[in-house]
Amino acid sequence: MMRFFSLPAGKTVKVGLLAQAPVGNGGARVYEDLTLESRTVKNIRFGV
């Protein structure tokens, strides 16, 4: 799940990932093969 909101930012932005466990104690998380791309979509909710 991704949260969508507006946040004023400068030219340089730092991003990261966060895992949450709303129920329970959570566990180990492994993130692999991640990519970032700069793309504009017409409908952010559908990703198209």
C-alpha atoms as a PDB file:
ATOM      1  CA  MET A   1       0.000   0.000   0.000  1.00  0.00           C
ATOM      2  CA  MET A   2       1.214   3.474  -0.765  1.00  0.00           C
ATOM      3  CA  ARG A   3       0.025   6.734   0.745  1.00  0.00           C
ATOM      4  CA  PHE A   4      -0.604   9.616  -1.648  1.00  0.00           C
ATOM      5  CA  PHE A   5      -0.241  13.180  -0.360  1.00  0.00           C
ATOM      6  CA  SER A   6       1.275  16.512  -1.251  1.00  0.00           C
ATOM      7  CA  LEU A   7       4.438  17.613   0.504  1.00  0.00           C
ATOM      8  CA  PRO A   8       6.401  20.709  -0.530  1.00  0.00           C
ATOM      9  CA  ALA A   9      10.000  19.748  -1.357  1.00  0.00           C
ATOM     10  CA  GLY A  10      13.154  21.201  -2.827  1.00  0.00           C
ATOM     11  CA  LYS A  11      15.113  19.901  -5.816  1.00  0.00           C
ATOM     12  CA  THR A  12      16.740  17.126  -3.764  1.00  0.00           C
ATOM     13  CA  VAL A  13      14.465  14.586  -2.095  1.00  0.00           C
ATOM     14  CA  LYS A  14      15.403  11.594   0.071  1.00  0.00           C
ATOM     15  CA  VAL A  15      13.029   8.625  -0.039  1.00  0.00           C
ATOM     16  CA  GLY A  16      12.825   5.341   1.807  1.00  0.00           C
ATOM     17  CA  LEU A  17      10.707   2.320   2.603  1.00  0.00           C
ATOM     18  CA  LEU A  18       8.971   1.519   5.847  1.00  0.00           C
ATOM     19  CA  ALA A  19       7.361  -1.765   6.843  1.00  0.00           C
ATOM     20  CA  GLN A  20       4.571  -1.711   9.401  1.00  0.00           C
ATOM     21  CA  ALA A  21       2.831  -4.437  11.367  1.00  0.00           C
ATOM     22  CA  PRO A  22      -0.470  -2.992  12.623  1.00  0.00           C
ATOM     23  CA  VAL A  23      -1.316  -6.319  14.256  1.00  0.00           C
ATOM     24  CA  GLY A  24       1.339  -8.459  15.914  1.00  0.00           C
ATOM     25  CA  ASN A  25       5.054  -8.093  16.494  1.00  0.00           C
ATOM     26  CA  GLY A  26       6.114  -7.709  12.878  1.00  0.00           C
ATOM     27  CA  GLY A  27       9.166  -9.501  11.548  1.00  0.00           C
ATOM     28  CA  ALA A  28      12.221  -9.220   9.342  1.00  0.00           C
ATOM     29  CA  ARG A  29      11.779  -7.440   6.012  1.00  0.00           C
ATOM     30  CA  VAL A  30      13.921  -7.853   2.912  1.00  0.00           C
ATOM     31  CA  TYR A  31      13.660  -5.458  -0.032  1.00  0.00           C
ATOM     32  CA  GLU A  32      15.217  -6.691  -3.272  1.00  0.00           C
ATOM     33  CA  ASP A  33      15.315  -5.607  -6.916  1.00  0.00           C
ATOM     34  CA  LEU A  34      13.857  -2.148  -6.310  1.00  0.00           C
ATOM     35  CA  THR A  35      13.729   0.440  -9.059  1.00  0.00           C
ATOM     36  CA  LEU A  36      12.789   4.103  -9.148  1.00  0.00           C
ATOM     37  CA  GLU A  37      11.486   5.917 -12.179  1.00  0.00           C
ATOM     38  CA  SER A  38      10.256   9.406 -12.888  1.00  0.00           C
ATOM     39  CA  ARG A  39       6.864   9.086 -14.551  1.00  0.00           C
ATOM     40  CA  THR A  40       3.662  11.113 -14.644  1.00  0.00           C
ATOM     41  CA  VAL A  41       0.352   9.262 -14.495  1.00  0.00           C
ATOM     42  CA  LYS A  42      -3.110  10.580 -15.351  1.00  0.00           C
ATOM     43  CA  ASN A  43      -4.842   8.764 -12.485  1.00  0.00           C
ATOM     44  CA  ILE A  44      -2.656   8.204  -9.409  1.00  0.00           C
ATOM     45  CA  ARG A  45      -5.169   5.825  -7.843  1.00  0.00           C
ATOM     46  CA  PHE A  46      -5.033   3.441 -10.835  1.00  0.00           C
ATOM     47  CA  GLY A  47      -1.399   4.069 -11.767  1.00  0.00           C
ATOM     48  CA  VAL A  48      -2.203   4.813 -15.403  1.00  0.00           C
END
